[in-house]
N, C-alpha and C. Protein backbone atom coordinates (compact mmCIF):
# COMPACT_ATOMS: atom_id res chain seq x y z
N UNK A 1 99.02 107.52 88.56
CA UNK A 1 100.09 108.08 89.36
C UNK A 1 100.68 106.95 90.19
N UNK A 2 100.46 106.92 91.47
CA UNK A 2 100.95 105.89 92.36
C UNK A 2 100.05 105.84 93.58
N UNK A 3 100.44 105.05 94.55
CA UNK A 3 99.57 104.83 95.71
C UNK A 3 99.34 106.13 96.49
N UNK A 4 100.37 106.95 96.69
CA UNK A 4 100.18 108.20 97.43
C UNK A 4 99.42 109.23 96.62
N UNK A 5 99.77 109.38 95.36
CA UNK A 5 99.08 110.34 94.49
C UNK A 5 97.62 110.00 94.30
N UNK A 6 97.34 108.72 94.07
CA UNK A 6 95.94 108.29 93.91
C UNK A 6 95.16 108.49 95.20
N UNK A 7 95.80 108.23 96.33
CA UNK A 7 95.14 108.41 97.61
C UNK A 7 94.85 109.89 97.89
N UNK A 8 95.77 110.77 97.51
CA UNK A 8 95.52 112.22 97.65
C UNK A 8 94.33 112.64 96.77
N UNK A 9 94.31 112.14 95.53
CA UNK A 9 93.20 112.46 94.64
C UNK A 9 91.87 111.97 95.22
N UNK A 10 91.90 110.78 95.80
CA UNK A 10 90.68 110.21 96.39
C UNK A 10 90.20 111.05 97.58
N UNK A 11 91.14 111.53 98.40
CA UNK A 11 90.77 112.36 99.55
C UNK A 11 90.15 113.67 99.10
N UNK A 12 90.73 114.27 98.06
CA UNK A 12 90.20 115.53 97.55
C UNK A 12 88.84 115.30 96.90
N UNK A 13 88.68 114.19 96.19
CA UNK A 13 87.39 113.88 95.57
C UNK A 13 86.31 113.64 96.63
N UNK A 14 86.71 113.18 97.80
CA UNK A 14 85.77 112.93 98.88
C UNK A 14 85.19 114.19 99.50
N UNK A 15 85.71 115.34 99.10
CA UNK A 15 85.19 116.60 99.64
C UNK A 15 84.01 117.13 98.84
N UNK A 16 83.63 116.44 97.77
CA UNK A 16 82.51 116.89 96.93
C UNK A 16 81.24 116.98 97.76
N UNK A 17 80.43 117.97 97.40
CA UNK A 17 79.18 118.16 98.14
C UNK A 17 78.00 117.49 97.46
N UNK A 18 78.15 117.12 96.19
CA UNK A 18 77.09 116.43 95.47
C UNK A 18 77.67 115.21 94.76
N UNK A 19 76.88 114.16 94.58
CA UNK A 19 77.39 112.98 93.87
C UNK A 19 77.50 113.27 92.37
N UNK A 20 78.36 112.51 91.70
CA UNK A 20 78.50 112.67 90.25
C UNK A 20 77.24 112.16 89.57
N UNK A 21 76.98 112.56 88.32
CA UNK A 21 75.79 112.06 87.60
C UNK A 21 75.79 110.54 87.55
N UNK A 22 74.62 109.95 87.60
CA UNK A 22 74.51 108.48 87.68
C UNK A 22 74.55 107.80 86.32
N UNK A 23 73.78 108.28 85.36
CA UNK A 23 73.67 107.57 84.08
C UNK A 23 74.86 107.89 83.19
N UNK A 24 75.15 106.96 82.27
CA UNK A 24 76.26 107.15 81.34
C UNK A 24 76.01 108.36 80.45
N UNK A 25 74.78 108.58 80.03
CA UNK A 25 74.45 109.73 79.19
C UNK A 25 74.70 111.04 79.92
N UNK A 26 74.27 111.12 81.18
CA UNK A 26 74.49 112.35 81.96
C UNK A 26 75.97 112.58 82.22
N UNK A 27 76.72 111.50 82.46
CA UNK A 27 78.16 111.64 82.66
C UNK A 27 78.83 112.13 81.37
N UNK A 28 78.41 111.57 80.24
CA UNK A 28 78.98 111.97 78.95
C UNK A 28 78.64 113.44 78.66
N UNK A 29 77.40 113.86 78.92
CA UNK A 29 77.02 115.26 78.69
C UNK A 29 77.84 116.20 79.59
N UNK A 30 78.08 115.78 80.83
CA UNK A 30 78.91 116.59 81.71
C UNK A 30 80.32 116.77 81.13
N UNK A 31 80.92 115.67 80.67
CA UNK A 31 82.26 115.76 80.11
C UNK A 31 82.30 116.65 78.86
N UNK A 32 81.29 116.54 78.02
CA UNK A 32 81.24 117.37 76.81
C UNK A 32 81.09 118.84 77.20
N UNK A 33 80.25 119.16 78.17
CA UNK A 33 80.13 120.55 78.64
C UNK A 33 81.46 121.04 79.21
N UNK A 34 82.11 120.18 79.97
CA UNK A 34 83.39 120.55 80.58
C UNK A 34 84.45 120.81 79.50
N UNK A 35 84.40 120.08 78.42
CA UNK A 35 85.36 120.25 77.33
C UNK A 35 84.85 121.24 76.29
N UNK A 36 83.94 122.12 76.69
CA UNK A 36 83.40 123.20 75.85
C UNK A 36 82.77 122.68 74.56
N UNK A 37 82.03 121.58 74.69
CA UNK A 37 81.26 121.06 73.56
C UNK A 37 82.01 120.15 72.62
N UNK A 38 83.24 119.80 72.94
CA UNK A 38 84.04 118.98 72.04
C UNK A 38 83.87 117.49 72.32
N UNK A 39 83.12 116.83 71.46
CA UNK A 39 82.96 115.39 71.60
C UNK A 39 84.25 114.67 71.21
N UNK A 40 85.05 115.28 70.35
CA UNK A 40 86.31 114.69 69.93
C UNK A 40 87.27 114.56 71.12
N UNK A 41 87.38 115.62 71.92
CA UNK A 41 88.28 115.60 73.08
C UNK A 41 87.81 114.57 74.10
N UNK A 42 86.52 114.49 74.32
CA UNK A 42 85.97 113.49 75.26
C UNK A 42 86.26 112.09 74.74
N UNK A 43 86.09 111.87 73.44
CA UNK A 43 86.37 110.56 72.86
C UNK A 43 87.84 110.18 73.06
N UNK A 44 88.75 111.14 72.90
CA UNK A 44 90.17 110.88 73.12
C UNK A 44 90.46 110.56 74.58
N UNK A 45 89.82 111.28 75.49
CA UNK A 45 90.02 111.04 76.92
C UNK A 45 89.58 109.64 77.31
N UNK A 46 88.49 109.16 76.70
CA UNK A 46 87.92 107.86 77.07
C UNK A 46 88.43 106.72 76.20
N UNK A 47 89.11 107.03 75.11
CA UNK A 47 89.62 105.98 74.23
C UNK A 47 88.53 105.32 73.40
N UNK A 48 87.52 106.09 73.01
CA UNK A 48 86.43 105.58 72.17
C UNK A 48 86.26 106.51 70.98
N UNK A 49 85.35 106.16 70.08
CA UNK A 49 85.14 107.00 68.89
C UNK A 49 84.24 108.20 69.23
N UNK A 50 84.38 109.22 68.43
CA UNK A 50 83.56 110.42 68.60
C UNK A 50 82.08 110.08 68.40
N UNK A 51 81.79 109.20 67.48
CA UNK A 51 80.41 108.79 67.21
C UNK A 51 79.81 108.09 68.43
N UNK A 52 80.61 107.30 69.12
CA UNK A 52 80.11 106.62 70.32
C UNK A 52 79.74 107.64 71.39
N UNK A 53 80.55 108.67 71.55
CA UNK A 53 80.23 109.73 72.51
C UNK A 53 78.90 110.37 72.14
N UNK A 54 78.71 110.67 70.87
CA UNK A 54 77.46 111.30 70.41
C UNK A 54 76.26 110.40 70.68
N UNK A 55 76.45 109.09 70.51
CA UNK A 55 75.33 108.16 70.75
C UNK A 55 74.98 108.09 72.23
N UNK A 56 75.97 108.19 73.13
CA UNK A 56 75.68 108.23 74.56
C UNK A 56 74.94 109.51 74.92
N UNK A 57 75.32 110.62 74.33
CA UNK A 57 74.68 111.90 74.62
C UNK A 57 73.20 111.86 74.23
N UNK A 58 72.90 111.24 73.10
CA UNK A 58 71.51 111.15 72.61
C UNK A 58 70.74 109.99 73.24
N UNK A 59 71.38 109.30 74.18
CA UNK A 59 70.77 108.15 74.88
C UNK A 59 70.46 106.99 73.93
N UNK A 60 71.17 106.90 72.81
CA UNK A 60 71.02 105.75 71.91
C UNK A 60 71.74 104.54 72.49
N UNK A 61 72.77 104.79 73.27
CA UNK A 61 73.45 103.74 74.04
C UNK A 61 73.28 104.14 75.50
N UNK A 62 72.90 103.19 76.33
CA UNK A 62 72.64 103.51 77.73
C UNK A 62 73.57 102.81 78.71
N UNK A 63 74.03 101.61 78.38
CA UNK A 63 74.85 100.85 79.31
C UNK A 63 76.23 100.60 78.71
N UNK A 64 77.25 101.25 79.26
CA UNK A 64 78.60 101.03 78.74
C UNK A 64 79.20 99.71 79.24
N UNK A 65 80.21 99.25 78.51
CA UNK A 65 80.96 98.07 78.98
C UNK A 65 81.60 98.42 80.33
N UNK A 66 81.97 97.41 81.10
CA UNK A 66 82.52 97.65 82.43
C UNK A 66 83.77 98.51 82.40
N UNK A 67 84.67 98.24 81.46
CA UNK A 67 85.91 99.02 81.41
C UNK A 67 85.63 100.47 81.02
N UNK A 68 84.72 100.69 80.09
CA UNK A 68 84.35 102.06 79.71
C UNK A 68 83.62 102.76 80.85
N UNK A 69 82.76 102.04 81.55
CA UNK A 69 82.04 102.64 82.68
C UNK A 69 83.02 103.10 83.75
N UNK A 70 84.03 102.31 84.02
CA UNK A 70 85.03 102.68 85.03
C UNK A 70 85.83 103.91 84.58
N UNK A 71 86.23 103.95 83.30
CA UNK A 71 86.96 105.12 82.78
C UNK A 71 86.08 106.35 82.81
N UNK A 72 84.80 106.19 82.48
CA UNK A 72 83.87 107.31 82.46
C UNK A 72 83.71 107.90 83.86
N UNK A 73 83.52 107.05 84.86
CA UNK A 73 83.39 107.52 86.24
C UNK A 73 84.68 108.21 86.68
N UNK A 74 85.83 107.63 86.33
CA UNK A 74 87.12 108.22 86.72
C UNK A 74 87.31 109.61 86.10
N UNK A 75 86.95 109.76 84.83
CA UNK A 75 87.12 111.05 84.15
C UNK A 75 86.15 112.10 84.69
N UNK A 76 84.92 111.70 84.98
CA UNK A 76 83.95 112.64 85.54
C UNK A 76 84.39 113.06 86.94
N UNK A 77 84.87 112.11 87.72
CA UNK A 77 85.32 112.41 89.08
C UNK A 77 86.48 113.41 89.08
N UNK A 78 87.38 113.31 88.10
CA UNK A 78 88.51 114.25 88.00
C UNK A 78 88.04 115.69 87.86
N UNK A 79 86.96 115.89 87.11
CA UNK A 79 86.51 117.24 86.78
C UNK A 79 85.33 117.72 87.61
N UNK A 80 84.81 116.90 88.51
CA UNK A 80 83.60 117.22 89.25
C UNK A 80 83.90 118.22 90.36
N UNK A 81 83.14 119.28 90.43
CA UNK A 81 83.19 120.32 91.45
C UNK A 81 84.61 120.84 91.73
N UNK A 82 85.25 121.44 90.74
CA UNK A 82 86.64 121.90 90.93
C UNK A 82 86.79 122.99 91.99
N UNK A 83 85.80 123.84 92.14
CA UNK A 83 85.92 124.91 93.16
C UNK A 83 85.84 124.34 94.57
N UNK A 84 85.00 123.33 94.76
CA UNK A 84 84.91 122.69 96.08
C UNK A 84 86.23 122.02 96.42
N UNK A 85 86.84 121.35 95.44
CA UNK A 85 88.13 120.70 95.65
C UNK A 85 89.21 121.72 95.96
N UNK A 86 89.24 122.81 95.20
CA UNK A 86 90.25 123.84 95.44
C UNK A 86 90.10 124.45 96.83
N UNK A 87 88.87 124.66 97.24
CA UNK A 87 88.62 125.22 98.57
C UNK A 87 89.11 124.27 99.65
N UNK A 88 88.86 122.96 99.48
CA UNK A 88 89.32 121.97 100.46
C UNK A 88 90.85 121.92 100.51
N UNK A 89 91.50 121.99 99.35
CA UNK A 89 92.97 121.99 99.32
C UNK A 89 93.53 123.23 100.01
N UNK A 90 92.93 124.39 99.73
CA UNK A 90 93.41 125.63 100.35
C UNK A 90 93.24 125.59 101.86
N UNK A 91 92.11 125.06 102.31
CA UNK A 91 91.87 124.96 103.75
C UNK A 91 92.89 124.03 104.40
N UNK A 92 93.16 122.89 103.77
CA UNK A 92 94.13 121.95 104.32
C UNK A 92 95.53 122.56 104.34
N UNK A 93 95.87 123.33 103.30
CA UNK A 93 97.21 123.90 103.19
C UNK A 93 97.40 125.14 104.06
N UNK A 94 96.30 125.75 104.49
CA UNK A 94 96.46 126.98 105.27
C UNK A 94 96.10 126.82 106.75
N UNK A 95 95.05 126.08 107.07
CA UNK A 95 94.63 126.01 108.47
C UNK A 95 94.38 124.61 109.01
N UNK A 96 93.80 123.73 108.23
CA UNK A 96 93.32 122.45 108.77
C UNK A 96 94.37 121.34 108.80
N UNK A 97 95.28 121.33 107.85
CA UNK A 97 96.23 120.24 107.78
C UNK A 97 95.62 119.03 107.10
N UNK A 98 96.30 117.91 107.19
CA UNK A 98 95.88 116.68 106.52
C UNK A 98 96.19 115.51 107.45
N UNK A 99 95.36 114.47 107.38
CA UNK A 99 95.57 113.29 108.21
C UNK A 99 96.00 112.14 107.32
N UNK A 100 97.01 111.42 107.75
CA UNK A 100 97.49 110.25 107.02
C UNK A 100 97.25 109.02 107.87
N UNK A 101 96.72 107.99 107.23
CA UNK A 101 96.61 106.68 107.86
C UNK A 101 97.33 105.73 106.93
N UNK A 102 98.31 105.04 107.46
CA UNK A 102 99.11 104.15 106.63
C UNK A 102 99.56 102.92 107.39
N UNK A 103 99.78 101.88 106.61
CA UNK A 103 100.45 100.69 107.13
C UNK A 103 101.63 100.47 106.18
N UNK A 104 102.83 100.61 106.72
CA UNK A 104 104.04 100.52 105.91
C UNK A 104 105.21 100.11 106.78
N UNK A 105 106.32 99.86 106.12
CA UNK A 105 107.54 99.53 106.83
C UNK A 105 108.30 100.83 107.08
N UNK A 106 108.66 101.03 108.33
CA UNK A 106 109.44 102.20 108.71
C UNK A 106 110.79 101.73 109.21
N UNK A 107 111.84 102.24 108.58
CA UNK A 107 113.21 101.96 109.00
C UNK A 107 113.81 103.25 109.53
N UNK A 108 114.88 103.12 110.31
CA UNK A 108 115.43 104.29 110.98
C UNK A 108 116.94 104.34 110.85
N UNK A 109 117.45 105.54 110.80
CA UNK A 109 118.86 105.80 110.98
C UNK A 109 118.92 106.63 112.25
N UNK A 110 119.50 106.07 113.30
CA UNK A 110 119.46 106.73 114.60
C UNK A 110 120.81 106.59 115.31
N UNK A 111 120.85 107.07 116.51
CA UNK A 111 122.06 107.05 117.33
C UNK A 111 122.49 105.62 117.62
N UNK A 112 123.80 105.42 117.88
CA UNK A 112 124.27 104.08 118.24
C UNK A 112 123.55 103.56 119.48
N UNK A 113 123.33 102.26 119.50
CA UNK A 113 122.66 101.65 120.64
C UNK A 113 121.16 101.51 120.46
N UNK A 114 120.63 102.03 119.35
CA UNK A 114 119.20 101.89 119.08
C UNK A 114 119.03 100.99 117.87
N UNK A 115 117.88 100.41 117.75
CA UNK A 115 117.62 99.51 116.63
C UNK A 115 117.26 100.30 115.39
N UNK A 116 117.79 99.85 114.25
CA UNK A 116 117.43 100.49 113.00
C UNK A 116 116.68 99.53 112.09
N UNK A 117 116.28 98.38 112.63
CA UNK A 117 115.54 97.41 111.85
C UNK A 117 114.16 97.97 111.51
N UNK A 118 113.82 97.90 110.22
CA UNK A 118 112.51 98.36 109.81
C UNK A 118 111.44 97.39 110.26
N UNK A 119 110.27 97.91 110.53
CA UNK A 119 109.15 97.03 110.87
C UNK A 119 107.85 97.66 110.41
N UNK A 120 106.86 96.82 110.21
CA UNK A 120 105.55 97.28 109.76
C UNK A 120 104.86 97.98 110.91
N UNK A 121 104.35 99.16 110.64
CA UNK A 121 103.59 99.91 111.64
C UNK A 121 102.30 100.42 111.01
N UNK A 122 101.29 100.50 111.83
CA UNK A 122 100.03 101.14 111.45
C UNK A 122 100.00 102.49 112.15
N UNK A 123 99.99 103.55 111.38
CA UNK A 123 100.06 104.89 111.94
C UNK A 123 98.92 105.74 111.39
N UNK A 124 98.24 106.44 112.28
CA UNK A 124 97.28 107.47 111.91
C UNK A 124 97.76 108.74 112.57
N UNK A 125 98.10 109.76 111.76
CA UNK A 125 98.69 110.98 112.30
C UNK A 125 98.20 112.20 111.53
N UNK A 126 97.85 113.23 112.26
CA UNK A 126 97.49 114.51 111.65
C UNK A 126 98.77 115.28 111.38
N UNK A 127 98.93 115.75 110.15
CA UNK A 127 100.10 116.55 109.77
C UNK A 127 99.69 118.01 109.64
N UNK A 128 100.56 118.93 110.02
CA UNK A 128 100.24 120.35 109.97
C UNK A 128 100.04 120.85 108.53
N UNK A 129 99.44 122.04 108.39
CA UNK A 129 99.15 122.59 107.06
C UNK A 129 100.37 122.72 106.15
N UNK A 130 101.54 122.93 106.70
CA UNK A 130 102.74 123.08 105.87
C UNK A 130 102.99 121.82 105.03
N UNK A 131 102.76 120.65 105.61
CA UNK A 131 102.97 119.40 104.87
C UNK A 131 101.87 119.19 103.83
N UNK A 132 100.65 119.58 104.16
CA UNK A 132 99.57 119.48 103.18
C UNK A 132 99.89 120.38 101.98
N UNK A 133 100.35 121.58 102.25
CA UNK A 133 100.70 122.51 101.17
C UNK A 133 101.81 121.93 100.31
N UNK A 134 102.83 121.37 100.94
CA UNK A 134 103.93 120.78 100.18
C UNK A 134 103.47 119.60 99.33
N UNK A 135 102.59 118.77 99.89
CA UNK A 135 102.08 117.63 99.13
C UNK A 135 101.28 118.08 97.92
N UNK A 136 100.35 119.01 98.12
CA UNK A 136 99.52 119.47 97.01
C UNK A 136 100.33 120.23 95.96
N UNK A 137 101.29 121.03 96.40
CA UNK A 137 102.15 121.76 95.45
C UNK A 137 102.99 120.78 94.63
N UNK A 138 103.54 119.78 95.29
CA UNK A 138 104.34 118.78 94.58
C UNK A 138 103.49 117.99 93.60
N UNK A 139 102.29 117.62 94.02
CA UNK A 139 101.41 116.85 93.14
C UNK A 139 101.02 117.69 91.92
N UNK A 140 100.71 118.97 92.13
CA UNK A 140 100.36 119.86 91.03
C UNK A 140 101.53 120.04 90.07
N UNK A 141 102.74 120.07 90.61
CA UNK A 141 103.94 120.26 89.79
C UNK A 141 104.35 118.96 89.08
N UNK A 142 103.64 117.88 89.32
CA UNK A 142 103.94 116.62 88.64
C UNK A 142 105.02 115.80 89.33
N UNK A 143 105.07 115.87 90.64
CA UNK A 143 106.08 115.13 91.39
C UNK A 143 105.91 113.63 91.21
N UNK A 144 107.02 112.93 91.33
CA UNK A 144 106.98 111.47 91.26
C UNK A 144 106.43 110.90 92.55
N UNK A 145 106.11 109.63 92.51
CA UNK A 145 105.61 108.95 93.69
C UNK A 145 106.65 108.98 94.81
N UNK A 146 107.92 108.84 94.45
CA UNK A 146 109.00 108.86 95.44
C UNK A 146 109.10 110.22 96.12
N UNK A 147 108.90 111.30 95.38
CA UNK A 147 108.95 112.64 95.97
C UNK A 147 107.80 112.84 96.96
N UNK A 148 106.60 112.39 96.60
CA UNK A 148 105.46 112.47 97.52
C UNK A 148 105.74 111.62 98.76
N UNK A 149 106.33 110.46 98.56
CA UNK A 149 106.65 109.56 99.67
C UNK A 149 107.67 110.22 100.61
N UNK A 150 108.63 110.93 100.04
CA UNK A 150 109.63 111.62 100.87
C UNK A 150 109.01 112.72 101.72
N UNK A 151 108.05 113.46 101.14
CA UNK A 151 107.37 114.52 101.90
C UNK A 151 106.57 113.91 103.05
N UNK A 152 105.84 112.82 102.75
CA UNK A 152 105.06 112.15 103.79
C UNK A 152 105.98 111.58 104.88
N UNK A 153 107.11 111.00 104.47
CA UNK A 153 108.06 110.46 105.44
C UNK A 153 108.63 111.55 106.33
N UNK A 154 108.94 112.70 105.74
CA UNK A 154 109.46 113.81 106.53
C UNK A 154 108.42 114.30 107.54
N UNK A 155 107.16 114.39 107.10
CA UNK A 155 106.10 114.81 108.00
C UNK A 155 105.92 113.84 109.15
N UNK A 156 105.91 112.54 108.86
CA UNK A 156 105.77 111.55 109.92
C UNK A 156 107.00 111.55 110.83
N UNK A 157 108.16 111.75 110.25
CA UNK A 157 109.39 111.81 111.04
C UNK A 157 109.33 112.94 112.05
N UNK A 158 108.95 114.12 111.61
CA UNK A 158 108.96 115.29 112.49
C UNK A 158 107.81 115.28 113.49
N UNK A 159 106.63 114.87 113.07
CA UNK A 159 105.46 114.97 113.95
C UNK A 159 105.28 113.71 114.80
N UNK A 160 105.36 112.54 114.18
CA UNK A 160 105.08 111.30 114.92
C UNK A 160 106.30 110.79 115.68
N UNK A 161 107.41 110.62 114.98
CA UNK A 161 108.57 109.99 115.61
C UNK A 161 109.38 110.96 116.47
N UNK A 162 109.59 112.18 116.02
CA UNK A 162 110.38 113.14 116.79
C UNK A 162 109.53 114.01 117.70
N UNK A 163 108.23 113.91 117.60
CA UNK A 163 107.31 114.69 118.42
C UNK A 163 107.66 116.19 118.38
N UNK A 164 107.78 116.70 117.16
CA UNK A 164 108.08 118.12 116.90
C UNK A 164 109.38 118.59 117.57
N UNK A 165 110.40 117.71 117.55
CA UNK A 165 111.70 118.08 118.07
C UNK A 165 111.89 117.83 119.55
N UNK A 166 110.91 117.24 120.23
CA UNK A 166 111.03 117.01 121.67
C UNK A 166 111.78 115.73 122.02
N UNK A 167 111.99 114.86 121.03
CA UNK A 167 112.71 113.61 121.31
C UNK A 167 113.38 113.10 120.03
N UNK A 168 114.18 112.09 120.17
CA UNK A 168 114.82 111.38 119.06
C UNK A 168 115.56 112.31 118.11
N UNK A 169 116.38 113.17 118.66
CA UNK A 169 117.15 114.09 117.83
C UNK A 169 118.09 113.30 116.92
N UNK A 170 118.16 113.66 115.67
CA UNK A 170 119.02 112.98 114.71
C UNK A 170 118.39 111.78 114.04
N UNK A 171 117.17 111.44 114.39
CA UNK A 171 116.49 110.29 113.80
C UNK A 171 116.11 110.60 112.36
N UNK A 172 116.38 109.67 111.46
CA UNK A 172 115.98 109.78 110.06
C UNK A 172 115.08 108.59 109.75
N UNK A 173 113.90 108.84 109.19
CA UNK A 173 112.91 107.79 108.96
C UNK A 173 112.84 107.44 107.48
N UNK A 174 112.79 106.14 107.19
CA UNK A 174 112.57 105.64 105.84
C UNK A 174 111.16 105.07 105.79
N UNK A 175 110.41 105.45 104.77
CA UNK A 175 109.01 105.07 104.59
C UNK A 175 108.95 104.17 103.36
N UNK A 176 108.90 102.83 103.56
CA UNK A 176 108.95 101.90 102.44
C UNK A 176 107.89 100.82 102.57
N UNK A 177 107.81 99.97 101.57
CA UNK A 177 106.88 98.83 101.55
C UNK A 177 105.48 99.25 102.00
N UNK A 178 104.91 100.21 101.34
CA UNK A 178 103.61 100.75 101.72
C UNK A 178 102.53 99.73 101.40
N UNK A 179 101.80 99.31 102.41
CA UNK A 179 100.67 98.41 102.23
C UNK A 179 99.46 99.21 101.76
N UNK A 180 99.15 100.28 102.47
CA UNK A 180 98.09 101.19 102.04
C UNK A 180 98.31 102.55 102.67
N UNK A 181 97.73 103.56 102.04
CA UNK A 181 97.77 104.93 102.53
C UNK A 181 96.41 105.54 102.27
N UNK A 182 95.87 106.20 103.27
CA UNK A 182 94.64 106.97 103.10
C UNK A 182 94.88 108.35 103.69
N UNK A 183 94.48 109.36 102.94
CA UNK A 183 94.58 110.74 103.41
C UNK A 183 93.19 111.22 103.78
N UNK A 184 93.12 112.10 104.76
CA UNK A 184 91.84 112.66 105.17
C UNK A 184 91.89 114.18 105.19
N UNK A 185 90.88 114.80 104.61
CA UNK A 185 90.74 116.24 104.61
C UNK A 185 89.44 116.59 105.33
N UNK A 186 89.44 117.75 105.99
CA UNK A 186 88.19 118.22 106.58
C UNK A 186 87.30 118.75 105.48
N UNK A 187 86.03 118.49 105.56
CA UNK A 187 85.10 118.97 104.53
C UNK A 187 84.72 120.40 104.75
């Protein structure tokens, strides 16, 4: 996806209550169970042969190459504890909200007499549940990175810069040159 989408996925994955299986064989067996016993589908997901998947399941191969090990962990993480993830998303979208920590360039369109020069800022801000819901809905609908960035920019504009409408009326915030973004969900 992109930096915001990957960071959202990482935050949701961080809500898991148990660690993913450690060995390659256990990870492969989990994926096969998740795909209703289809070693062919797992092989396609990982970009390896069906026979290789079967050999990992039978513990004939124990140590995958580094690139395969990384893909295997990524695929298992995507499917690990879906109900726990859904519960965390629902909680963030309904009551808890979401926290964003970012270092990026923020530019402004504001009233005459104020500076509109963008500058790098480090911001940590809790966003209300409405923005969490919009982010998760957009991500589920397959939104682009720019669309997710626009939702995050709007949230920061309203909550951080405008202080929920108490100041800086008419301010428009641009969220660009993202150095990093981390999202936080309550467990």
